């Protein structure tokens, strides 16, 4: 049976403005994998969905099947990770995570282990002190590469090797790395 609408939970990875009041959202979900939805009217001042669809927010949502893109109809925040948003370095690392998932995961392929580890990583990042943030991100990157089959499970790479290997797998460098370089040079 094909359903006209569905409920899911996920983490907002990317938002792109389209039209005057709409956004295209990339959400990494628990059961559907990475999906792209349109959120109509979200940029309106009176939008009730907007605060629930901020970047890196763990949200529960309803969506209706559309012709080309599914349409987000309702959203509710499950976890907002407010401490993450107050630290520019943590935000830059969260962007790295989002970029890794967006580039390496195909749409509509379920990755429950990666979703669970993403949630754990965002919680750790939200609570983390600055000295161990890089270790948290490296651990997430390794687990993602292991789960997607890009790297033999259990094989460890040092930070510089890991960044080089990731760039090789993605066939380009992370854009968020330039943001981290700018942040670190200003400290």
N, C-alpha and C. Protein backbone atom coordinates (compact mmCIF):
# COMPACT_ATOMS: atom_id res chain seq x y z
N UNK A 1 0.83 -1.17 0.00
CA UNK A 1 0.00 0.00 0.00
C UNK A 1 0.88 1.25 0.00
N UNK A 2 0.56 2.19 -0.83
CA UNK A 2 1.29 3.45 -0.90
C UNK A 2 0.53 4.50 -0.09
N UNK A 3 1.24 5.12 0.85
CA UNK A 3 0.62 6.13 1.70
C UNK A 3 0.79 7.51 1.08
N UNK A 4 -0.19 8.36 1.29
CA UNK A 4 -0.12 9.73 0.77
C UNK A 4 0.71 10.63 1.67
N UNK A 5 0.79 10.28 2.94
CA UNK A 5 1.59 11.07 3.86
C UNK A 5 2.29 10.12 4.84
N UNK A 6 3.26 10.66 5.54
CA UNK A 6 4.01 9.85 6.49
C UNK A 6 4.57 10.71 7.60
N UNK A 7 4.93 10.04 8.70
CA UNK A 7 5.55 10.69 9.84
C UNK A 7 6.97 10.14 9.96
N UNK A 8 7.91 11.00 10.28
CA UNK A 8 9.30 10.56 10.45
C UNK A 8 9.98 11.47 11.46
N UNK A 9 11.15 11.03 11.90
CA UNK A 9 11.99 11.89 12.74
C UNK A 9 13.34 11.98 12.06
N UNK A 10 13.97 13.14 12.20
CA UNK A 10 15.25 13.32 11.56
C UNK A 10 15.98 14.54 12.07
N UNK A 11 17.15 14.76 11.48
CA UNK A 11 17.99 15.90 11.83
C UNK A 11 18.20 16.73 10.57
N UNK A 12 17.95 18.02 10.69
CA UNK A 12 18.06 18.92 9.55
C UNK A 12 19.54 19.14 9.24
N UNK A 13 19.94 18.78 8.01
CA UNK A 13 21.33 18.92 7.58
C UNK A 13 21.57 20.16 6.74
N UNK A 14 20.57 20.53 5.93
CA UNK A 14 20.80 21.62 4.98
C UNK A 14 19.47 22.31 4.67
N UNK A 15 19.56 23.63 4.44
CA UNK A 15 18.38 24.43 4.07
C UNK A 15 18.77 25.37 2.94
N UNK A 16 17.94 25.40 1.92
CA UNK A 16 18.19 26.29 0.77
C UNK A 16 16.91 27.08 0.49
N UNK A 17 17.04 28.39 0.40
CA UNK A 17 15.89 29.24 0.09
C UNK A 17 15.46 29.02 -1.35
N UNK A 18 14.15 28.90 -1.54
CA UNK A 18 13.59 28.87 -2.89
C UNK A 18 12.33 29.72 -2.88
N UNK A 19 12.14 30.46 -3.93
CA UNK A 19 10.99 31.35 -3.99
C UNK A 19 11.05 32.41 -2.91
N UNK A 20 9.91 33.00 -2.62
CA UNK A 20 9.87 34.05 -1.62
C UNK A 20 9.73 33.55 -0.20
N UNK A 21 9.01 32.45 0.00
CA UNK A 21 8.73 32.01 1.37
C UNK A 21 9.04 30.55 1.65
N UNK A 22 9.63 29.85 0.69
CA UNK A 22 9.84 28.41 0.86
C UNK A 22 11.31 28.07 1.06
N UNK A 23 11.54 26.87 1.57
CA UNK A 23 12.90 26.34 1.73
C UNK A 23 12.91 24.89 1.28
N UNK A 24 14.04 24.51 0.72
CA UNK A 24 14.31 23.12 0.40
C UNK A 24 15.14 22.57 1.55
N UNK A 25 14.67 21.51 2.21
CA UNK A 25 15.33 20.96 3.38
C UNK A 25 15.91 19.58 3.06
N UNK A 26 17.12 19.36 3.54
CA UNK A 26 17.71 18.02 3.51
C UNK A 26 17.71 17.54 4.94
N UNK A 27 17.01 16.43 5.18
CA UNK A 27 16.85 15.89 6.52
C UNK A 27 17.35 14.45 6.53
N UNK A 28 18.20 14.13 7.51
CA UNK A 28 18.68 12.77 7.67
C UNK A 28 17.76 12.07 8.66
N UNK A 29 16.96 11.12 8.17
CA UNK A 29 15.94 10.48 9.00
C UNK A 29 16.39 9.11 9.49
N UNK A 30 15.69 8.65 10.49
CA UNK A 30 16.02 7.36 11.09
C UNK A 30 15.65 6.20 10.17
N UNK A 31 14.47 6.25 9.57
CA UNK A 31 13.98 5.12 8.78
C UNK A 31 14.04 5.30 7.27
N UNK A 32 14.17 6.52 6.80
CA UNK A 32 14.16 6.77 5.36
C UNK A 32 15.52 7.19 4.82
N UNK A 33 16.49 7.41 5.69
CA UNK A 33 17.78 7.91 5.25
C UNK A 33 17.71 9.40 4.96
N UNK A 34 18.53 9.85 4.02
CA UNK A 34 18.55 11.27 3.66
C UNK A 34 17.40 11.55 2.70
N UNK A 35 16.59 12.55 3.04
CA UNK A 35 15.50 12.94 2.15
C UNK A 35 15.53 14.45 1.94
N UNK A 36 14.98 14.85 0.81
CA UNK A 36 14.87 16.27 0.49
C UNK A 36 13.39 16.60 0.41
N UNK A 37 12.99 17.63 1.15
CA UNK A 37 11.59 18.05 1.23
C UNK A 37 11.48 19.53 0.93
N UNK A 38 10.29 19.95 0.56
CA UNK A 38 10.03 21.38 0.44
C UNK A 38 9.17 21.79 1.63
N UNK A 39 9.56 22.88 2.27
CA UNK A 39 8.80 23.43 3.40
C UNK A 39 8.19 24.74 2.92
N UNK A 40 6.93 24.68 2.57
CA UNK A 40 6.25 25.86 2.02
C UNK A 40 5.92 26.85 3.13
N UNK A 41 6.19 28.13 2.86
CA UNK A 41 5.86 29.19 3.79
C UNK A 41 6.73 29.29 5.02
N UNK A 42 7.81 28.56 5.06
CA UNK A 42 8.65 28.52 6.26
C UNK A 42 9.39 29.84 6.51
N UNK A 43 9.61 30.62 5.46
CA UNK A 43 10.33 31.88 5.62
C UNK A 43 9.40 33.04 5.97
N UNK A 44 8.13 32.76 6.08
CA UNK A 44 7.16 33.77 6.49
C UNK A 44 7.38 34.11 7.96
N UNK A 45 7.15 35.34 8.33
CA UNK A 45 7.31 35.79 9.72
C UNK A 45 6.39 35.00 10.65
N UNK A 46 5.25 34.61 10.16
CA UNK A 46 4.24 33.94 10.98
C UNK A 46 4.33 32.41 10.93
N UNK A 47 5.39 31.88 10.34
CA UNK A 47 5.52 30.43 10.21
C UNK A 47 5.69 29.75 11.57
N UNK A 48 4.86 28.76 11.84
CA UNK A 48 4.95 28.01 13.09
C UNK A 48 5.94 26.85 12.96
N UNK A 49 6.30 26.49 11.72
CA UNK A 49 7.22 25.38 11.50
C UNK A 49 8.68 25.82 11.59
N UNK A 50 8.97 27.07 11.30
CA UNK A 50 10.36 27.56 11.17
C UNK A 50 11.26 27.23 12.37
N UNK A 51 10.84 27.48 13.60
CA UNK A 51 11.75 27.20 14.72
C UNK A 51 12.06 25.70 14.90
N UNK A 52 11.21 24.86 14.37
CA UNK A 52 11.40 23.42 14.51
C UNK A 52 12.28 22.84 13.41
N UNK A 53 12.67 23.69 12.46
CA UNK A 53 13.44 23.21 11.31
C UNK A 53 14.75 23.96 11.13
N UNK A 54 15.32 24.41 12.24
CA UNK A 54 16.64 25.03 12.20
C UNK A 54 17.69 23.97 11.92
N UNK A 55 18.84 24.38 11.43
CA UNK A 55 19.92 23.44 11.17
C UNK A 55 20.30 22.67 12.43
N UNK A 56 20.60 21.41 12.27
CA UNK A 56 21.06 20.50 13.33
C UNK A 56 20.00 20.23 14.40
N UNK A 57 18.74 20.53 14.12
CA UNK A 57 17.66 20.26 15.07
C UNK A 57 17.13 18.85 14.85
N UNK A 58 16.95 18.12 15.95
CA UNK A 58 16.32 16.80 15.89
C UNK A 58 14.83 17.05 15.93
N UNK A 59 14.14 16.69 14.86
CA UNK A 59 12.74 17.05 14.72
C UNK A 59 11.88 15.85 14.36
N UNK A 60 10.62 15.92 14.72
CA UNK A 60 9.63 14.94 14.29
C UNK A 60 8.73 15.70 13.31
N UNK A 61 8.42 15.10 12.18
CA UNK A 61 7.66 15.84 11.18
C UNK A 61 6.69 14.95 10.42
N UNK A 62 5.73 15.60 9.80
CA UNK A 62 4.80 14.95 8.89
C UNK A 62 5.06 15.50 7.50
N UNK A 63 4.96 14.65 6.49
CA UNK A 63 5.16 15.08 5.12
C UNK A 63 4.15 14.38 4.22
N UNK A 64 3.79 15.05 3.14
CA UNK A 64 2.88 14.49 2.15
C UNK A 64 3.67 14.23 0.88
N UNK A 65 3.35 13.13 0.22
CA UNK A 65 4.02 12.82 -1.04
C UNK A 65 3.62 13.83 -2.10
N UNK A 66 4.61 14.40 -2.76
CA UNK A 66 4.36 15.34 -3.84
C UNK A 66 4.78 14.72 -5.16
N UNK A 67 4.56 15.43 -6.25
CA UNK A 67 4.93 14.89 -7.57
C UNK A 67 6.44 14.73 -7.69
N UNK A 68 7.17 15.81 -7.42
CA UNK A 68 8.63 15.77 -7.52
C UNK A 68 9.29 15.69 -6.15
N UNK A 69 8.83 16.51 -5.24
CA UNK A 69 9.37 16.55 -3.89
C UNK A 69 8.24 16.35 -2.88
N UNK A 70 8.56 15.72 -1.78
CA UNK A 70 7.58 15.61 -0.71
C UNK A 70 7.45 16.97 -0.03
N UNK A 71 6.29 17.23 0.52
CA UNK A 71 6.00 18.53 1.13
C UNK A 71 5.86 18.36 2.63
N UNK A 72 6.66 19.10 3.37
CA UNK A 72 6.61 19.06 4.83
C UNK A 72 5.37 19.81 5.30
N UNK A 73 4.55 19.15 6.12
CA UNK A 73 3.30 19.78 6.55
C UNK A 73 3.31 20.22 8.01
N UNK A 74 4.00 19.47 8.87
CA UNK A 74 4.09 19.82 10.29
C UNK A 74 5.46 19.41 10.81
N UNK A 75 5.91 20.10 11.86
CA UNK A 75 7.20 19.75 12.48
C UNK A 75 7.17 20.12 13.95
N UNK A 76 7.86 19.27 14.75
CA UNK A 76 7.97 19.47 16.18
C UNK A 76 9.40 19.17 16.62
N UNK A 77 9.96 20.03 17.44
CA UNK A 77 11.32 19.84 17.92
C UNK A 77 11.38 18.74 18.96
N UNK A 78 12.33 17.83 18.79
CA UNK A 78 12.60 16.81 19.80
C UNK A 78 13.81 17.22 20.64
N UNK A 79 14.84 17.77 19.96
CA UNK A 79 16.06 18.25 20.62
C UNK A 79 16.64 19.38 19.78
N UNK A 80 17.05 20.47 20.43
CA UNK A 80 17.52 21.61 19.64
C UNK A 80 19.02 21.87 19.72
N UNK A 81 19.73 21.28 20.67
CA UNK A 81 21.18 21.44 20.81
C UNK A 81 21.58 22.92 20.89
N UNK A 82 21.01 23.63 21.83
CA UNK A 82 21.23 25.08 21.95
C UNK A 82 22.68 25.45 22.26
N UNK A 83 23.41 24.66 23.05
CA UNK A 83 24.81 24.98 23.35
C UNK A 83 25.67 24.92 22.10
N UNK A 84 25.30 24.05 21.19
CA UNK A 84 26.04 23.92 19.94
C UNK A 84 25.99 25.23 19.14
N UNK A 85 24.85 25.90 19.19
CA UNK A 85 24.64 27.11 18.38
C UNK A 85 25.37 28.35 18.92
N UNK A 86 25.83 28.29 20.16
CA UNK A 86 26.46 29.47 20.76
C UNK A 86 27.97 29.51 20.56
N UNK A 87 28.55 28.45 20.02
CA UNK A 87 29.99 28.35 19.84
C UNK A 87 30.29 28.19 18.35
N UNK A 88 30.99 29.17 17.78
CA UNK A 88 31.26 29.16 16.34
C UNK A 88 32.05 27.94 15.90
N UNK A 89 32.98 27.49 16.72
CA UNK A 89 33.77 26.31 16.36
C UNK A 89 32.90 25.05 16.34
N UNK A 90 31.99 24.93 17.31
CA UNK A 90 31.09 23.78 17.32
C UNK A 90 30.17 23.79 16.11
N UNK A 91 29.70 24.96 15.73
CA UNK A 91 28.85 25.09 14.54
C UNK A 91 29.62 24.65 13.30
N UNK A 92 30.87 25.05 13.20
CA UNK A 92 31.69 24.68 12.04
C UNK A 92 31.88 23.16 11.99
N UNK A 93 32.09 22.53 13.13
CA UNK A 93 32.23 21.07 13.16
C UNK A 93 30.90 20.39 12.82
N UNK A 94 29.79 20.96 13.28
CA UNK A 94 28.47 20.41 12.94
C UNK A 94 28.23 20.50 11.43
N UNK A 95 28.67 21.61 10.82
CA UNK A 95 28.57 21.73 9.36
C UNK A 95 29.40 20.64 8.67
N UNK A 96 30.55 20.32 9.22
CA UNK A 96 31.38 19.24 8.66
C UNK A 96 30.62 17.93 8.67
N UNK A 97 29.99 17.62 9.78
CA UNK A 97 29.20 16.40 9.89
C UNK A 97 28.09 16.39 8.84
N UNK A 98 27.37 17.49 8.75
CA UNK A 98 26.27 17.58 7.79
C UNK A 98 26.77 17.42 6.36
N UNK A 99 27.89 18.03 6.06
CA UNK A 99 28.45 17.94 4.72
C UNK A 99 28.90 16.51 4.39
N UNK A 100 29.50 15.84 5.35
CA UNK A 100 29.92 14.44 5.15
C UNK A 100 28.71 13.57 4.83
N UNK A 101 27.66 13.69 5.62
CA UNK A 101 26.46 12.88 5.40
C UNK A 101 25.78 13.23 4.08
N UNK A 102 25.71 14.51 3.77
CA UNK A 102 25.05 14.93 2.54
C UNK A 102 25.79 14.40 1.31
N UNK A 103 27.10 14.37 1.35
CA UNK A 103 27.88 13.92 0.20
C UNK A 103 27.98 12.40 0.09
N UNK A 104 28.06 11.70 1.22
CA UNK A 104 28.32 10.26 1.17
C UNK A 104 27.05 9.39 1.14
N UNK A 105 25.95 9.90 1.65
CA UNK A 105 24.73 9.08 1.72
C UNK A 105 23.80 9.41 0.56
N UNK A 106 23.35 8.36 -0.10
CA UNK A 106 22.38 8.52 -1.18
C UNK A 106 21.00 8.77 -0.57
N UNK A 107 20.13 9.38 -1.35
CA UNK A 107 18.78 9.64 -0.87
C UNK A 107 17.99 8.35 -0.72
N UNK A 108 17.13 8.35 0.29
CA UNK A 108 16.19 7.27 0.55
C UNK A 108 16.83 5.91 0.79
N UNK A 109 18.02 5.91 1.37
CA UNK A 109 18.65 4.66 1.79
C UNK A 109 18.79 4.69 3.31
N UNK A 110 18.13 3.76 3.95
CA UNK A 110 18.09 3.72 5.41
C UNK A 110 19.46 3.43 6.00
N UNK A 111 19.84 4.23 6.99
CA UNK A 111 21.10 4.05 7.72
C UNK A 111 20.83 4.30 9.21
N UNK A 112 20.15 3.36 9.87
CA UNK A 112 19.78 3.54 11.27
C UNK A 112 21.00 3.71 12.17
N UNK A 113 22.07 2.95 11.92
CA UNK A 113 23.27 3.06 12.76
C UNK A 113 23.88 4.45 12.65
N UNK A 114 23.93 4.97 11.45
CA UNK A 114 24.51 6.31 11.25
C UNK A 114 23.62 7.36 11.91
N UNK A 115 22.30 7.22 11.78
CA UNK A 115 21.39 8.17 12.42
C UNK A 115 21.60 8.17 13.93
N UNK A 116 21.64 6.98 14.53
CA UNK A 116 21.83 6.88 15.98
C UNK A 116 23.16 7.50 16.39
N UNK A 117 24.22 7.22 15.62
CA UNK A 117 25.53 7.77 15.97
C UNK A 117 25.58 9.28 15.73
N UNK A 118 24.84 9.76 14.73
CA UNK A 118 24.74 11.21 14.50
C UNK A 118 24.11 11.89 15.70
N UNK A 119 23.05 11.32 16.21
CA UNK A 119 22.37 11.89 17.38
C UNK A 119 23.30 11.90 18.59
N UNK A 120 24.00 10.80 18.82
CA UNK A 120 24.96 10.71 19.92
C UNK A 120 26.06 11.76 19.75
N UNK A 121 26.56 11.91 18.52
CA UNK A 121 27.64 12.87 18.24
C UNK A 121 27.17 14.30 18.48
N UNK A 122 25.97 14.64 18.04
CA UNK A 122 25.46 16.00 18.27
C UNK A 122 25.27 16.28 19.77
N UNK A 123 24.85 15.27 20.51
CA UNK A 123 24.72 15.43 21.97
C UNK A 123 26.09 15.65 22.61
N UNK A 124 27.08 14.87 22.18
CA UNK A 124 28.44 15.05 22.71
C UNK A 124 28.98 16.42 22.34
N UNK A 125 28.77 16.83 21.11
CA UNK A 125 29.24 18.13 20.63
C UNK A 125 28.56 19.26 21.39
N UNK A 126 27.29 19.09 21.70
CA UNK A 126 26.53 20.08 22.45
C UNK A 126 27.10 20.28 23.86
N UNK A 127 27.59 19.19 24.48
CA UNK A 127 28.13 19.25 25.84
C UNK A 127 29.63 19.45 25.89
N UNK A 128 30.31 19.26 24.78
CA UNK A 128 31.78 19.17 24.75
C UNK A 128 32.48 20.45 25.16
N UNK A 129 33.64 20.25 25.75
CA UNK A 129 34.58 21.33 25.97
C UNK A 129 35.44 21.40 24.71
N UNK A 130 36.04 22.53 24.46
CA UNK A 130 36.77 22.74 23.21
C UNK A 130 37.92 21.77 22.97
N UNK A 131 38.54 21.25 24.01
CA UNK A 131 39.72 20.41 23.82
C UNK A 131 39.42 19.08 23.14
N UNK A 132 38.21 18.55 23.22
CA UNK A 132 37.96 17.24 22.61
C UNK A 132 36.97 17.26 21.45
N UNK A 133 36.66 18.40 20.91
CA UNK A 133 35.71 18.50 19.80
C UNK A 133 36.24 17.77 18.57
N UNK A 134 37.48 17.97 18.23
CA UNK A 134 38.06 17.34 17.04
C UNK A 134 38.00 15.81 17.15
N UNK A 135 38.23 15.28 18.35
CA UNK A 135 38.18 13.83 18.55
C UNK A 135 36.77 13.29 18.31
N UNK A 136 35.76 14.04 18.73
CA UNK A 136 34.37 13.64 18.53
C UNK A 136 34.06 13.56 17.03
N UNK A 137 34.50 14.55 16.28
CA UNK A 137 34.25 14.59 14.83
C UNK A 137 35.01 13.49 14.11
N UNK A 138 36.26 13.26 14.51
CA UNK A 138 37.04 12.18 13.90
C UNK A 138 36.38 10.83 14.14
N UNK A 139 35.87 10.62 15.35
CA UNK A 139 35.19 9.37 15.68
C UNK A 139 33.93 9.20 14.81
N UNK A 140 33.17 10.28 14.65
CA UNK A 140 31.97 10.22 13.80
C UNK A 140 32.35 9.89 12.36
N UNK A 141 33.37 10.55 11.85
CA UNK A 141 33.81 10.32 10.48
C UNK A 141 34.22 8.87 10.27
N UNK A 142 35.00 8.32 11.19
CA UNK A 142 35.41 6.92 11.09
C UNK A 142 34.21 5.97 11.09
N UNK A 143 33.29 6.18 12.02
CA UNK A 143 32.11 5.31 12.10
C UNK A 143 31.27 5.40 10.82
N UNK A 144 31.15 6.58 10.27
CA UNK A 144 30.38 6.76 9.04
C UNK A 144 31.05 6.03 7.88
N UNK A 145 32.36 6.19 7.76
CA UNK A 145 33.09 5.49 6.70
C UNK A 145 33.00 3.98 6.87
N UNK A 146 33.05 3.49 8.10
CA UNK A 146 32.92 2.05 8.36
C UNK A 146 31.53 1.57 7.97
N UNK A 147 30.48 2.28 8.43
CA UNK A 147 29.10 1.84 8.17
C UNK A 147 28.74 1.89 6.69
N UNK A 148 29.30 2.83 5.96
CA UNK A 148 28.99 2.93 4.53
C UNK A 148 29.88 2.03 3.67
N UNK A 149 30.87 1.39 4.30
CA UNK A 149 31.72 0.45 3.58
C UNK A 149 32.89 1.08 2.85
N UNK A 150 33.20 2.32 3.14
CA UNK A 150 34.34 2.99 2.50
C UNK A 150 35.67 2.63 3.17
N UNK A 151 35.59 2.12 4.38
CA UNK A 151 36.78 1.81 5.15
C UNK A 151 36.52 0.50 5.91
N UNK A 152 37.53 -0.35 5.99
CA UNK A 152 37.40 -1.61 6.70
C UNK A 152 37.09 -1.32 8.17
N UNK A 153 36.03 -1.98 8.68
CA UNK A 153 35.60 -1.75 10.07
C UNK A 153 36.76 -2.03 11.03
N UNK A 154 36.98 -1.07 11.91
CA UNK A 154 38.04 -1.20 12.90
C UNK A 154 39.36 -0.56 12.49
N UNK A 155 39.50 -0.25 11.21
CA UNK A 155 40.75 0.39 10.77
C UNK A 155 40.74 1.85 11.23
N UNK A 156 41.80 2.24 11.90
CA UNK A 156 41.92 3.60 12.43
C UNK A 156 42.87 4.41 11.57
N UNK A 157 42.53 5.66 11.38
CA UNK A 157 43.38 6.59 10.64
C UNK A 157 43.65 7.80 11.53
N UNK A 158 44.87 8.31 11.47
CA UNK A 158 45.20 9.54 12.18
C UNK A 158 44.47 10.71 11.52
N UNK A 159 44.37 11.81 12.21
CA UNK A 159 43.60 12.96 11.74
C UNK A 159 43.96 13.39 10.31
N UNK A 160 45.23 13.58 10.01
CA UNK A 160 45.62 14.04 8.66
C UNK A 160 45.31 12.96 7.61
N UNK A 161 45.55 11.69 7.96
CA UNK A 161 45.22 10.59 7.04
C UNK A 161 43.71 10.53 6.81
N UNK A 162 42.94 10.72 7.87
CA UNK A 162 41.49 10.65 7.80
C UNK A 162 40.95 11.74 6.89
N UNK A 163 41.46 12.96 7.04
CA UNK A 163 40.99 14.06 6.20
C UNK A 163 41.35 13.82 4.74
N UNK A 164 42.55 13.32 4.49
CA UNK A 164 42.96 13.01 3.12
C UNK A 164 42.12 11.90 2.52
N UNK A 165 41.86 10.85 3.30
CA UNK A 165 41.07 9.72 2.82
C UNK A 165 39.63 10.16 2.52
N UNK A 166 39.08 10.98 3.42
CA UNK A 166 37.71 11.49 3.23
C UNK A 166 37.62 12.32 1.95
N UNK A 167 38.61 13.18 1.72
CA UNK A 167 38.62 14.00 0.50
C UNK A 167 38.71 13.12 -0.74
N UNK A 168 39.47 12.03 -0.63
CA UNK A 168 39.61 11.10 -1.75
C UNK A 168 38.29 10.38 -2.03
N UNK A 169 37.60 9.95 -0.99
CA UNK A 169 36.32 9.25 -1.14
C UNK A 169 35.27 10.20 -1.73
N UNK A 170 35.23 11.44 -1.24
CA UNK A 170 34.24 12.41 -1.71
C UNK A 170 34.65 13.09 -3.00
N UNK A 171 35.89 12.88 -3.42
CA UNK A 171 36.45 13.47 -4.63
C UNK A 171 36.55 14.98 -4.58
N UNK A 172 36.52 15.55 -3.38
CA UNK A 172 36.79 16.97 -3.16
C UNK A 172 36.88 17.24 -1.67
N UNK A 173 37.50 18.34 -1.30
CA UNK A 173 37.65 18.70 0.11
C UNK A 173 36.33 19.21 0.68
N UNK A 174 36.21 19.12 1.99
CA UNK A 174 35.04 19.67 2.66
C UNK A 174 35.07 21.19 2.60
N UNK A 175 33.95 21.80 2.27
CA UNK A 175 33.86 23.26 2.29
C UNK A 175 33.98 23.79 3.71
N UNK A 176 33.49 23.02 4.67
CA UNK A 176 33.50 23.46 6.06
C UNK A 176 34.92 23.51 6.63
N UNK A 177 35.88 22.81 6.02
CA UNK A 177 37.27 22.88 6.48
C UNK A 177 37.83 24.29 6.34
N UNK A 178 37.42 25.02 5.29
CA UNK A 178 37.90 26.40 5.13
C UNK A 178 37.34 27.29 6.24
N UNK A 179 36.12 27.02 6.68
CA UNK A 179 35.54 27.77 7.79
C UNK A 179 36.31 27.50 9.08
N UNK A 180 36.66 26.24 9.31
CA UNK A 180 37.44 25.89 10.51
C UNK A 180 38.82 26.53 10.47
N UNK A 181 39.43 26.60 9.30
CA UNK A 181 40.74 27.24 9.17
C UNK A 181 40.64 28.72 9.53
N UNK A 182 39.59 29.39 9.06
CA UNK A 182 39.39 30.82 9.37
C UNK A 182 39.17 31.03 10.86
N UNK A 183 38.39 30.15 11.47
CA UNK A 183 38.11 30.27 12.90
C UNK A 183 39.38 30.09 13.71
N UNK A 184 40.15 29.06 13.39
CA UNK A 184 41.39 28.77 14.13
C UNK A 184 42.45 29.85 13.93
N UNK A 185 42.47 30.52 12.78
CA UNK A 185 43.45 31.58 12.56
C UNK A 185 43.08 32.85 13.31
N UNK A 186 41.81 33.01 13.66
CA UNK A 186 41.37 34.19 14.41
C UNK A 186 41.52 34.02 15.92
N UNK A 187 41.76 32.80 16.37
CA UNK A 187 41.88 32.56 17.83
C UNK A 187 43.22 32.99 18.33
